[in-house]
PDB file of N, CA and C in Angstrom:
ATOM      1  N   MET A   1     -76.253  67.759  45.822  1.00  0.00           N
ATOM      2  CA  MET A   1     -75.689  68.751  44.979  1.00  0.00           C
ATOM      3  C   MET A   1     -74.680  68.038  43.998  1.00  0.00           C
ATOM      4  N   ASP A   2     -74.925  67.937  42.800  1.00  0.00           N
ATOM      5  CA  ASP A   2     -74.021  67.271  41.830  1.00  0.00           C
ATOM      6  C   ASP A   2     -72.820  68.159  41.545  1.00  0.00           C
ATOM      7  N   LYS A   3     -71.983  67.387  40.613  1.00  0.00           N
ATOM      8  CA  LYS A   3     -70.591  68.078  40.252  1.00  0.00           C
ATOM      9  C   LYS A   3     -70.911  69.491  39.374  1.00  0.00           C
ATOM     10  N   LEU A   4     -71.918  69.316  38.547  1.00  0.00           N
ATOM     11  CA  LEU A   4     -72.173  70.522  37.698  1.00  0.00           C
ATOM     12  C   LEU A   4     -72.748  71.763  38.417  1.00  0.00           C
ATOM     13  N   GLN A   5     -73.493  71.534  39.430  1.00  0.00           N
ATOM     14  CA  GLN A   5     -73.867  72.623  40.371  1.00  0.00           C
ATOM     15  C   GLN A   5     -72.672  73.149  41.193  1.00  0.00           C
ATOM     16  N   LEU A   6     -71.771  72.199  41.548  1.00  0.00           N
ATOM     17  CA  LEU A   6     -70.569  72.791  42.204  1.00  0.00           C
ATOM     18  C   LEU A   6     -69.585  73.502  41.378  1.00  0.00           C
ATOM     19  N   LEU A   7     -69.526  73.098  40.067  1.00  0.00           N
ATOM     20  CA  LEU A   7     -68.705  73.831  39.191  1.00  0.00           C
ATOM     21  C   LEU A   7     -69.272  75.228  39.036  1.00  0.00           C
ATOM     22  N   LEU A   8     -70.594  75.313  38.808  1.00  0.00           N
ATOM     23  CA  LEU A   8     -71.278  76.529  38.602  1.00  0.00           C
ATOM     24  C   LEU A   8     -71.111  77.493  39.811  1.00  0.00           C
ATOM     25  N   LEU A   9     -71.210  76.853  41.019  1.00  0.00           N
ATOM     26  CA  LEU A   9     -70.927  77.688  42.251  1.00  0.00           C
ATOM     27  C   LEU A   9     -69.623  78.190  42.277  1.00  0.00           C
ATOM     28  N   LEU A  10     -68.612  77.372  41.945  1.00  0.00           N
ATOM     29  CA  LEU A  10     -67.189  77.834  41.816  1.00  0.00           C
ATOM     30  C   LEU A  10     -67.002  78.845  40.844  1.00  0.00           C
ATOM     31  N   ALA A  11     -67.677  78.624  39.703  1.00  0.00           N
ATOM     32  CA  ALA A  11     -67.658  79.797  38.653  1.00  0.00           C
ATOM     33  C   ALA A  11     -68.180  81.195  39.208  1.00  0.00           C
ATOM     34  N   LEU A  12     -69.280  81.006  39.911  1.00  0.00           N
ATOM     35  CA  LEU A  12     -69.964  82.235  40.631  1.00  0.00           C
ATOM     36  C   LEU A  12     -68.960  82.834  41.534  1.00  0.00           C
ATOM     37  N   ALA A  13     -68.397  82.020  42.404  1.00  0.00           N
ATOM     38  CA  ALA A  13     -67.494  82.528  43.420  1.00  0.00           C
ATOM     39  C   ALA A  13     -66.242  83.303  42.772  1.00  0.00           C
ATOM     40  N   LEU A  14     -65.699  82.601  41.707  1.00  0.00           N
ATOM     41  CA  LEU A  14     -64.558  83.251  41.096  1.00  0.00           C
ATOM     42  C   LEU A  14     -64.849  84.538  40.337  1.00  0.00           C
ATOM     43  N   PHE A  15     -66.032  84.572  39.661  1.00  0.00           N
ATOM     44  CA  PHE A  15     -66.609  85.822  39.127  1.00  0.00           C
ATOM     45  C   PHE A  15     -66.754  86.884  40.153  1.00  0.00           C
ATOM     46  N   ALA A  16     -67.367  86.522  41.345  1.00  0.00           N
ATOM     47  CA  ALA A  16     -67.473  87.454  42.413  1.00  0.00           C
ATOM     48  C   ALA A  16     -66.272  88.082  43.014  1.00  0.00           C
ATOM     49  N   ILE A  17     -65.227  87.187  43.115  1.00  0.00           N
ATOM     50  CA  ILE A  17     -63.967  87.757  43.657  1.00  0.00           C
ATOM     51  C   ILE A  17     -63.309  88.470  42.529  1.00  0.00           C
ATOM     52  N   GLY A  18     -63.318  88.205  41.291  1.00  0.00           N
ATOM     53  CA  GLY A  18     -62.809  89.060  40.392  1.00  0.00           C
ATOM     54  C   GLY A  18     -63.609  90.391  40.256  1.00  0.00           C
ATOM     55  N   LEU A  19     -64.805  90.438  40.373  1.00  0.00           N
ATOM     56  CA  LEU A  19     -65.543  91.623  40.357  1.00  0.00           C
ATOM     57  C   LEU A  19     -65.229  92.507  41.535  1.00  0.00           C
ATOM     58  N   LEU A  20     -65.170  91.923  42.633  1.00  0.00           N
ATOM     59  CA  LEU A  20     -64.694  92.529  43.920  1.00  0.00           C
ATOM     60  C   LEU A  20     -63.429  93.175  43.877  1.00  0.00           C
ATOM     61  N   GLY A  21     -62.487  92.429  43.122  1.00  0.00           N
ATOM     62  CA  GLY A  21     -61.032  92.961  43.001  1.00  0.00           C
ATOM     63  C   GLY A  21     -60.942  94.120  42.086  1.00  0.00           C
ATOM     64  N   VAL A  22     -61.810  94.073  40.945  1.00  0.00           N
ATOM     65  CA  VAL A  22     -61.861  95.156  39.990  1.00  0.00           C
ATOM     66  C   VAL A  22     -62.450  96.532  40.747  1.00  0.00           C
ATOM     67  N   VAL A  23     -63.561  96.282  41.507  1.00  0.00           N
ATOM     68  CA  VAL A  23     -64.156  97.380  42.124  1.00  0.00           C
ATOM     69  C   VAL A  23     -63.335  97.995  43.296  1.00  0.00           C
ATOM     70  N   ILE A  24     -62.728  97.114  44.078  1.00  0.00           N
ATOM     71  CA  ILE A  24     -62.076  97.609  45.264  1.00  0.00           C
ATOM     72  C   ILE A  24     -60.635  98.032  45.038  1.00  0.00           C
ATOM     73  N   ARG A  25     -59.879  97.192  44.313  1.00  0.00           N
ATOM     74  CA  ARG A  25     -58.443  97.472  44.129  1.00  0.00           C
ATOM     75  C   ARG A  25     -58.183  98.598  43.316  1.00  0.00           C
ATOM     76  N   ARG A  26     -57.132  99.335  43.454  1.00  0.00           N
ATOM     77  CA  ARG A  26     -56.928 100.636  42.539  1.00  0.00           C
ATOM     78  C   ARG A  26     -55.492 100.370  41.763  1.00  0.00           C
ATOM     79  N   ASN A  27     -54.842  99.240  42.007  1.00  0.00           N
ATOM     80  CA  ASN A  27     -53.674  98.916  41.227  1.00  0.00           C
ATOM     81  C   ASN A  27     -54.132  98.370  39.791  1.00  0.00           C
ATOM     82  N   LEU A  28     -53.495  99.013  38.736  1.00  0.00           N
ATOM     83  CA  LEU A  28     -53.951  98.707  37.390  1.00  0.00           C
ATOM     84  C   LEU A  28     -53.658  97.190  37.032  1.00  0.00           C
ATOM     85  N   LEU A  29     -52.619  96.628  37.467  1.00  0.00           N
ATOM     86  CA  LEU A  29     -52.132  95.265  37.078  1.00  0.00           C
ATOM     87  C   LEU A  29     -53.048  94.290  37.885  1.00  0.00           C
ATOM     88  N   VAL A  30     -53.410  94.604  39.128  1.00  0.00           N
ATOM     89  CA  VAL A  30     -54.385  93.781  39.890  1.00  0.00           C
ATOM     90  C   VAL A  30     -55.620  93.851  39.314  1.00  0.00           C
ATOM     91  N   MET A  31     -56.117  95.021  38.791  1.00  0.00           N
ATOM     92  CA  MET A  31     -57.461  95.058  38.125  1.00  0.00           C
ATOM     93  C   MET A  31     -57.437  94.226  36.865  1.00  0.00           C
ATOM     94  N   LEU A  32     -56.341  94.174  36.075  1.00  0.00           N
ATOM     95  CA  LEU A  32     -56.243  93.391  34.834  1.00  0.00           C
ATOM     96  C   LEU A  32     -56.335  91.910  35.189  1.00  0.00           C
ATOM     97  N   MET A  33     -55.672  91.499  36.304  1.00  0.00           N
ATOM     98  CA  MET A  33     -55.695  90.089  36.792  1.00  0.00           C
ATOM     99  C   MET A  33     -57.056  89.703  37.250  1.00  0.00           C
ATOM    100  N   CYS A  34     -57.795  90.645  37.859  1.00  0.00           N
ATOM    101  CA  CYS A  34     -59.092  90.401  38.276  1.00  0.00           C
ATOM    102  C   CYS A  34     -60.100  90.191  37.158  1.00  0.00           C
ATOM    103  N   MET A  35     -59.874  91.017  36.044  1.00  0.00           N
ATOM    104  CA  MET A  35     -60.605  90.837  34.927  1.00  0.00           C
ATOM    105  C   MET A  35     -60.461  89.618  34.240  1.00  0.00           C
ATOM    106  N   GLU A  36     -59.265  89.086  34.268  1.00  0.00           N
ATOM    107  CA  GLU A  36     -59.037  87.725  33.730  1.00  0.00           C
ATOM    108  C   GLU A  36     -59.678  86.722  34.472  1.00  0.00           C
ATOM    109  N   LEU A  37     -59.666  86.757  35.845  1.00  0.00           N
ATOM    110  CA  LEU A  37     -60.270  85.899  36.612  1.00  0.00           C
ATOM    111  C   LEU A  37     -61.721  85.785  36.346  1.00  0.00           C
ATOM    112  N   MET A  38     -62.348  86.855  36.071  1.00  0.00           N
ATOM    113  CA  MET A  38     -63.816  86.999  35.624  1.00  0.00           C
ATOM    114  C   MET A  38     -64.039  86.254  34.251  1.00  0.00           C
ATOM    115  N   LEU A  39     -63.021  86.432  33.364  1.00  0.00           N
ATOM    116  CA  LEU A  39     -63.155  85.794  32.177  1.00  0.00           C
ATOM    117  C   LEU A  39     -63.077  84.192  32.336  1.00  0.00           C
ATOM    118  N   ASN A  40     -62.189  83.925  33.178  1.00  0.00           N
ATOM    119  CA  ASN A  40     -61.983  82.400  33.425  1.00  0.00           C
ATOM    120  C   ASN A  40     -63.255  81.846  34.061  1.00  0.00           C
ATOM    121  N   ALA A  41     -63.845  82.594  34.947  1.00  0.00           N
ATOM    122  CA  ALA A  41     -65.072  82.153  35.608  1.00  0.00           C
ATOM    123  C   ALA A  41     -66.287  81.931  34.595  1.00  0.00           C
ATOM    124  N   ALA A  42     -66.205  82.876  33.524  1.00  0.00           N
ATOM    125  CA  ALA A  42     -67.184  82.746  32.539  1.00  0.00           C
ATOM    126  C   ALA A  42     -66.911  81.535  31.613  1.00  0.00           C
ATOM    127  N   ASN A  43     -65.617  81.305  31.342  1.00  0.00           N
ATOM    128  CA  ASN A  43     -65.270  79.990  30.647  1.00  0.00           C
ATOM    129  C   ASN A  43     -65.619  78.787  31.451  1.00  0.00           C
ATOM    130  N   LEU A  44     -65.456  78.783  32.799  1.00  0.00           N
ATOM    131  CA  LEU A  44     -65.822  77.619  33.474  1.00  0.00           C
ATOM    132  C   LEU A  44     -67.389  77.400  33.372  1.00  0.00           C
ATOM    133  N   SER A  45     -68.166  78.334  33.533  1.00  0.00           N
ATOM    134  CA  SER A  45     -69.673  78.300  33.470  1.00  0.00           C
ATOM    135  C   SER A  45     -70.092  77.817  31.891  1.00  0.00           C
ATOM    136  N   LEU A  46     -69.373  78.322  31.079  1.00  0.00           N
ATOM    137  CA  LEU A  46     -69.723  77.925  29.648  1.00  0.00           C
ATOM    138  C   LEU A  46     -69.425  76.419  29.467  1.00  0.00           C
ATOM    139  N   VAL A  47     -68.333  75.895  29.854  1.00  0.00           N
ATOM    140  CA  VAL A  47     -67.886  74.610  29.789  1.00  0.00           C
ATOM    141  C   VAL A  47     -68.869  73.723  30.587  1.00  0.00           C
ATOM    142  N   THR A  48     -69.199  74.231  31.795  1.00  0.00           N
ATOM    143  CA  THR A  48     -70.198  73.332  32.554  1.00  0.00           C
ATOM    144  C   THR A  48     -71.547  73.259  31.988  1.00  0.00           C
ATOM    145  N   LEU A  49     -72.091  74.434  31.268  1.00  0.00           N
ATOM    146  CA  LEU A  49     -73.130  74.315  30.740  1.00  0.00           C
ATOM    147  C   LEU A  49     -73.250  73.605  29.435  1.00  0.00           C
ATOM    148  N   ALA A  50     -72.094  73.573  28.571  1.00  0.00           N
ATOM    149  CA  ALA A  50     -71.874  72.709  27.443  1.00  0.00           C
ATOM    150  C   ALA A  50     -71.923  71.308  27.818  1.00  0.00           C
ATOM    151  N   ARG A  51     -71.378  70.963  28.888  1.00  0.00           N
ATOM    152  CA  ARG A  51     -71.276  69.464  29.276  1.00  0.00           C
ATOM    153  C   ARG A  51     -72.702  69.213  29.889  1.00  0.00           C
ATOM    154  N   GLN A  52     -73.362  69.973  30.296  1.00  0.00           N
ATOM    155  CA  GLN A  52     -74.694  69.710  30.942  1.00  0.00           C
ATOM    156  C   GLN A  52     -75.759  69.338  29.716  1.00  0.00           C
ATOM    157  N   THR A  53     -75.636  70.192  28.721  1.00  0.00           N
ATOM    158  CA  THR A  53     -76.540  70.057  27.557  1.00  0.00           C
ATOM    159  C   THR A  53     -76.026  69.155  26.415  1.00  0.00           C
ATOM    160  N   ASP A  54     -74.793  68.771  26.573  1.00  0.00           N
ATOM    161  CA  ASP A  54     -74.063  67.874  25.438  1.00  0.00           C
ATOM    162  C   ASP A  54     -74.178  68.600  24.078  1.00  0.00           C
ATOM    163  N   THR A  55     -73.738  69.816  24.099  1.00  0.00           N
ATOM    164  CA  THR A  55     -73.595  70.534  22.863  1.00  0.00           C
ATOM    165  C   THR A  55     -72.266  71.000  22.663  1.00  0.00           C
ATOM    166  N   SER A  56     -71.842  71.437  21.635  1.00  0.00           N
ATOM    167  CA  SER A  56     -70.402  72.046  21.370  1.00  0.00           C
ATOM    168  C   SER A  56     -70.450  73.522  21.324  1.00  0.00           C
ATOM    169  N   ALA A  57     -71.706  74.120  21.433  1.00  0.00           N
ATOM    170  CA  ALA A  57     -71.767  75.598  21.461  1.00  0.00           C
ATOM    171  C   ALA A  57     -71.011  76.303  22.661  1.00  0.00           C
ATOM    172  N   GLY A  58     -70.901  75.631  23.811  1.00  0.00           N
ATOM    173  CA  GLY A  58     -70.195  76.107  24.877  1.00  0.00           C
ATOM    174  C   GLY A  58     -68.676  76.249  24.507  1.00  0.00           C
ATOM    175  N   ALA A  59     -68.227  75.038  23.810  1.00  0.00           N
ATOM    176  CA  ALA A  59     -66.681  75.024  23.520  1.00  0.00           C
ATOM    177  C   ALA A  59     -66.413  76.168  22.517  1.00  0.00           C
ATOM    178  N   VAL A  60     -67.217  76.416  21.644  1.00  0.00           N
ATOM    179  CA  VAL A  60     -66.992  77.543  20.558  1.00  0.00           C
ATOM    180  C   VAL A  60     -67.053  78.787  21.397  1.00  0.00           C
ATOM    181  N   LEU A  61     -67.923  79.108  22.208  1.00  0.00           N
ATOM    182  CA  LEU A  61     -67.885  80.193  22.995  1.00  0.00           C
ATOM    183  C   LEU A  61     -66.645  80.398  23.974  1.00  0.00           C
ATOM    184  N   VAL A  62     -66.261  79.252  24.481  1.00  0.00           N
ATOM    185  CA  VAL A  62     -65.020  79.366  25.274  1.00  0.00           C
ATOM    186  C   VAL A  62     -63.775  79.739  24.502  1.00  0.00           C
ATOM    187  N   PHE A  63     -63.691  79.224  23.155  1.00  0.00           N
ATOM    188  CA  PHE A  63     -62.686  79.565  22.226  1.00  0.00           C
ATOM    189  C   PHE A  63     -62.644  81.186  22.024  1.00  0.00           C
ATOM    190  N   LEU A  64     -63.963  81.611  21.730  1.00  0.00           N
ATOM    191  CA  LEU A  64     -64.006  83.070  21.447  1.00  0.00           C
ATOM    192  C   LEU A  64     -63.668  83.875  22.757  1.00  0.00           C
ATOM    193  N   VAL A  65     -64.030  83.466  23.983  1.00  0.00           N
ATOM    194  CA  VAL A  65     -63.653  84.209  25.222  1.00  0.00           C
ATOM    195  C   VAL A  65     -62.154  84.173  25.310  1.00  0.00           C
ATOM    196  N   PHE A  66     -61.528  82.993  24.990  1.00  0.00           N
ATOM    197  CA  PHE A  66     -60.034  82.934  25.026  1.00  0.00           C
ATOM    198  C   PHE A  66     -59.385  84.055  24.045  1.00  0.00           C
ATOM    199  N   VAL A  67     -59.959  84.102  22.873  1.00  0.00           N
ATOM    200  CA  VAL A  67     -59.434  85.060  21.906  1.00  0.00           C
ATOM    201  C   VAL A  67     -59.665  86.390  22.462  1.00  0.00           C
ATOM    202  N   VAL A  68     -60.748  86.739  22.962  1.00  0.00           N
ATOM    203  CA  VAL A  68     -60.962  88.113  23.484  1.00  0.00           C
ATOM    204  C   VAL A  68     -60.057  88.371  24.588  1.00  0.00           C
ATOM    205  N   ALA A  69     -59.845  87.429  25.624  1.00  0.00           N
ATOM    206  CA  ALA A  69     -58.866  87.483  26.723  1.00  0.00           C
ATOM    207  C   ALA A  69     -57.346  87.811  26.198  1.00  0.00           C
ATOM    208  N   ALA A  70     -56.999  87.121  25.254  1.00  0.00           N
ATOM    209  CA  ALA A  70     -55.663  87.219  24.698  1.00  0.00           C
ATOM    210  C   ALA A  70     -55.575  88.641  24.065  1.00  0.00           C
ATOM    211  N   ALA A  71     -56.574  89.062  23.339  1.00  0.00           N
ATOM    212  CA  ALA A  71     -56.461  90.421  22.725  1.00  0.00           C
ATOM    213  C   ALA A  71     -56.523  91.535  23.860  1.00  0.00           C
ATOM    214  N   GLU A  72     -57.315  91.337  24.930  1.00  0.00           N
ATOM    215  CA  GLU A  72     -57.306  92.292  26.004  1.00  0.00           C
ATOM    216  C   GLU A  72     -55.935  92.380  26.527  1.00  0.00           C
ATOM    217  N   ILE A  73     -55.310  91.330  26.827  1.00  0.00           N
ATOM    218  CA  ILE A  73     -53.989  91.328  27.475  1.00  0.00           C
ATOM    219  C   ILE A  73     -52.988  91.837  26.541  1.00  0.00           C
ATOM    220  N   ALA A  74     -53.013  91.530  25.231  1.00  0.00           N
ATOM    221  CA  ALA A  74     -51.981  92.059  24.299  1.00  0.00           C
ATOM    222  C   ALA A  74     -52.089  93.569  24.165  1.00  0.00           C
ATOM    223  N   ILE A  75     -53.276  94.049  24.345  1.00  0.00           N
ATOM    224  CA  ILE A  75     -53.523  95.550  24.123  1.00  0.00           C
ATOM    225  C   ILE A  75     -53.361  96.278  25.631  1.00  0.00           C
ATOM    226  N   ALA A  76     -53.798  95.683  26.650  1.00  0.00           N
ATOM    227  CA  ALA A  76     -53.892  96.348  27.920  1.00  0.00           C
ATOM    228  C   ALA A  76     -52.535  96.451  28.553  1.00  0.00           C
ATOM    229  N   ILE A  77     -51.661  95.495  28.483  1.00  0.00           N
ATOM    230  CA  ILE A  77     -50.392  95.492  29.136  1.00  0.00           C
ATOM    231  C   ILE A  77     -49.457  96.670  28.557  1.00  0.00           C
ATOM    232  N   PRO A  78     -49.281  96.693  27.167  1.00  0.00           N
ATOM    233  CA  PRO A  78     -48.513  97.830  26.676  1.00  0.00           C
ATOM    234  C   PRO A  78     -48.990  99.282  27.077  1.00  0.00           C
ATOM    235  N   ILE A  79     -50.444  99.278  27.163  1.00  0.00           N
ATOM    236  CA  ILE A  79     -51.015 100.593  27.596  1.00  0.00           C
ATOM    237  C   ILE A  79     -50.654 100.978  28.949  1.00  0.00           C
ATOM    238  N   VAL A  80     -50.768  99.973  29.850  1.00  0.00           N
ATOM    239  CA  VAL A  80     -50.427 100.147  31.241  1.00  0.00           C
ATOM    240  C   VAL A  80     -48.978 100.546  31.418  1.00  0.00           C
ATOM    241  N   LEU A  81     -48.104  99.857  30.638  1.00  0.00           N
ATOM    242  CA  LEU A  81     -46.639 100.213  30.654  1.00  0.00           C
ATOM    243  C   LEU A  81     -46.428 101.520  30.322  1.00  0.00           C
ATOM    244  N   LEU A  82     -47.038 102.117  29.197  1.00  0.00           N
ATOM    245  CA  LEU A  82     -46.939 103.456  28.890  1.00  0.00           C
ATOM    246  C   LEU A  82     -47.282 104.350  29.859  1.00  0.00           C
ATOM    247  N   LEU A  83     -48.486 103.985  30.474  1.00  0.00           N
ATOM    248  CA  LEU A  83     -49.008 104.925  31.520  1.00  0.00           C
ATOM    249  C   LEU A  83     -48.032 105.051  32.696  1.00  0.00           C
ATOM    250  N   VAL A  84     -47.445 103.926  33.055  1.00  0.00           N
ATOM    251  CA  VAL A  84     -46.685 103.832  34.256  1.00  0.00           C
ATOM    252  C   VAL A  84     -45.316 104.657  33.904  1.00  0.00           C
ATOM    253  N   ARG A  85     -44.849 104.552  32.742  1.00  0.00           N
ATOM    254  CA  ARG A  85     -43.646 105.369  32.268  1.00  0.00           C
ATOM    255  C   ARG A  85     -43.917 106.868  32.398  1.00  0.00           C
ATOM    256  N   ARG A  86     -45.083 107.095  32.219  1.00  0.00           N
ATOM    257  CA  ARG A  86     -45.344 108.602  32.133  1.00  0.00           C
ATOM    258  C   ARG A  86     -45.638 109.159  33.569  1.00  0.00           C
ATOM    259  N   ARG A  87     -46.485 108.478  34.514  1.00  0.00           N
ATOM    260  CA  ARG A  87     -46.875 108.861  35.760  1.00  0.00           C
ATOM    261  C   ARG A  87     -46.102 108.303  36.895  1.00  0.00           C
ATOM    262  N   HIS A  88     -45.343 107.209  36.654  1.00  0.00           N
ATOM    263  CA  HIS A  88     -44.604 106.471  37.569  1.00  0.00           C
ATOM    264  C   HIS A  88     -45.487 105.975  38.773  1.00  0.00           C
ATOM    265  N   THR A  89     -46.698 105.401  38.431  1.00  0.00           N
ATOM    266  CA  THR A  89     -47.498 104.998  39.524  1.00  0.00           C
ATOM    267  C   THR A  89     -48.628 103.939  38.742  1.00  0.00           C
ATOM    268  N   LEU A  90     -49.037 102.904  39.519  1.00  0.00           N
ATOM    269  CA  LEU A  90     -49.999 102.008  39.080  1.00  0.00           C
ATOM    270  C   LEU A  90     -51.364 102.241  39.597  1.00  0.00           C
ATOM    271  N   ASP A  91     -51.507 103.451  40.334  1.00  0.00           N
ATOM    272  CA  ASP A  91     -52.672 103.706  41.014  1.00  0.00           C
ATOM    273  C   ASP A  91     -53.692 104.327  39.939  1.00  0.00           C
ATOM    274  N   ALA A  92     -54.888 103.716  39.935  1.00  0.00           N
ATOM    275  CA  ALA A  92     -55.879 104.131  38.790  1.00  0.00           C
ATOM    276  C   ALA A  92     -56.394 105.459  39.024  1.00  0.00           C
ATOM    277  N   ASP A  93     -56.470 106.032  40.216  1.00  0.00           N
ATOM    278  CA  ASP A  93     -56.860 107.371  40.576  1.00  0.00           C
ATOM    279  C   ASP A  93     -56.044 108.332  39.876  1.00  0.00           C
ATOM    280  N   ALA A  94     -54.680 107.972  39.687  1.00  0.00           N
ATOM    281  CA  ALA A  94     -53.703 108.920  39.187  1.00  0.00           C
ATOM    282  C   ALA A  94     -54.032 109.331  37.657  1.00  0.00           C
ATOM    283  N   TYR A  95     -54.928 108.515  37.132  1.00  0.00           N
ATOM    284  CA  TYR A  95     -55.214 108.541  35.626  1.00  0.00           C
ATOM    285  C   TYR A  95     -56.687 109.034  35.490  1.00  0.00           C
ATOM    286  N   ALA A  96     -57.305 109.815  36.475  1.00  0.00           N
ATOM    287  CA  ALA A  96     -58.743 110.244  36.311  1.00  0.00           C
ATOM    288  C   ALA A  96     -58.830 111.318  35.282  1.00  0.00           C
ATOM    289  N   ASP A  97     -57.619 112.096  35.021  1.00  0.00           N
ATOM    290  CA  ASP A  97     -57.771 113.144  34.048  1.00  0.00           C
ATOM    291  C   ASP A  97     -57.901 112.693  32.558  1.00  0.00           C
ATOM    292  N   LEU A  98     -57.664 111.374  32.411  1.00  0.00           N
ATOM    293  CA  LEU A  98     -57.754 110.732  31.040  1.00  0.00           C
ATOM    294  C   LEU A  98     -59.197 110.398  30.523  1.00  0.00           C
ATOM    295  N   LYS A  99     -60.187 110.744  31.599  1.00  0.00           N
ATOM    296  CA  LYS A  99     -61.461 110.589  31.205  1.00  0.00           C
ATOM    297  C   LYS A  99     -62.076 111.555  30.144  1.00  0.00           C
ATOM    298  N   GLY A 100     -62.812 111.029  29.135  1.00  0.00           N
ATOM    299  CA  GLY A 100     -63.356 111.971  28.161  1.00  0.00           C
ATOM    300  C   GLY A 100     -64.349 112.848  28.380  1.00  0.00           C
TER     301      GLY A 100
END
């Protein structure tokens, strides 16, 4: 097994841990951190595949994923803070009535 396959397996493991964290955990901040872990796993796989194919398309996609991750955090953290001020809890089940 070469280095690229190990990196792809690491990316798969990180993504699986992040997905498991989003599905199982009910704390909003932990869920956000797990989503960031999933985005970083996607970045690792994009960089690995770009390295394997010797193209710059993976680097461009990594930059776009970084922009999306920054926008997600810039919007999600203030929303979570406002929700916590209103309900005084980080439990995701407490906000079930916000579904449309």
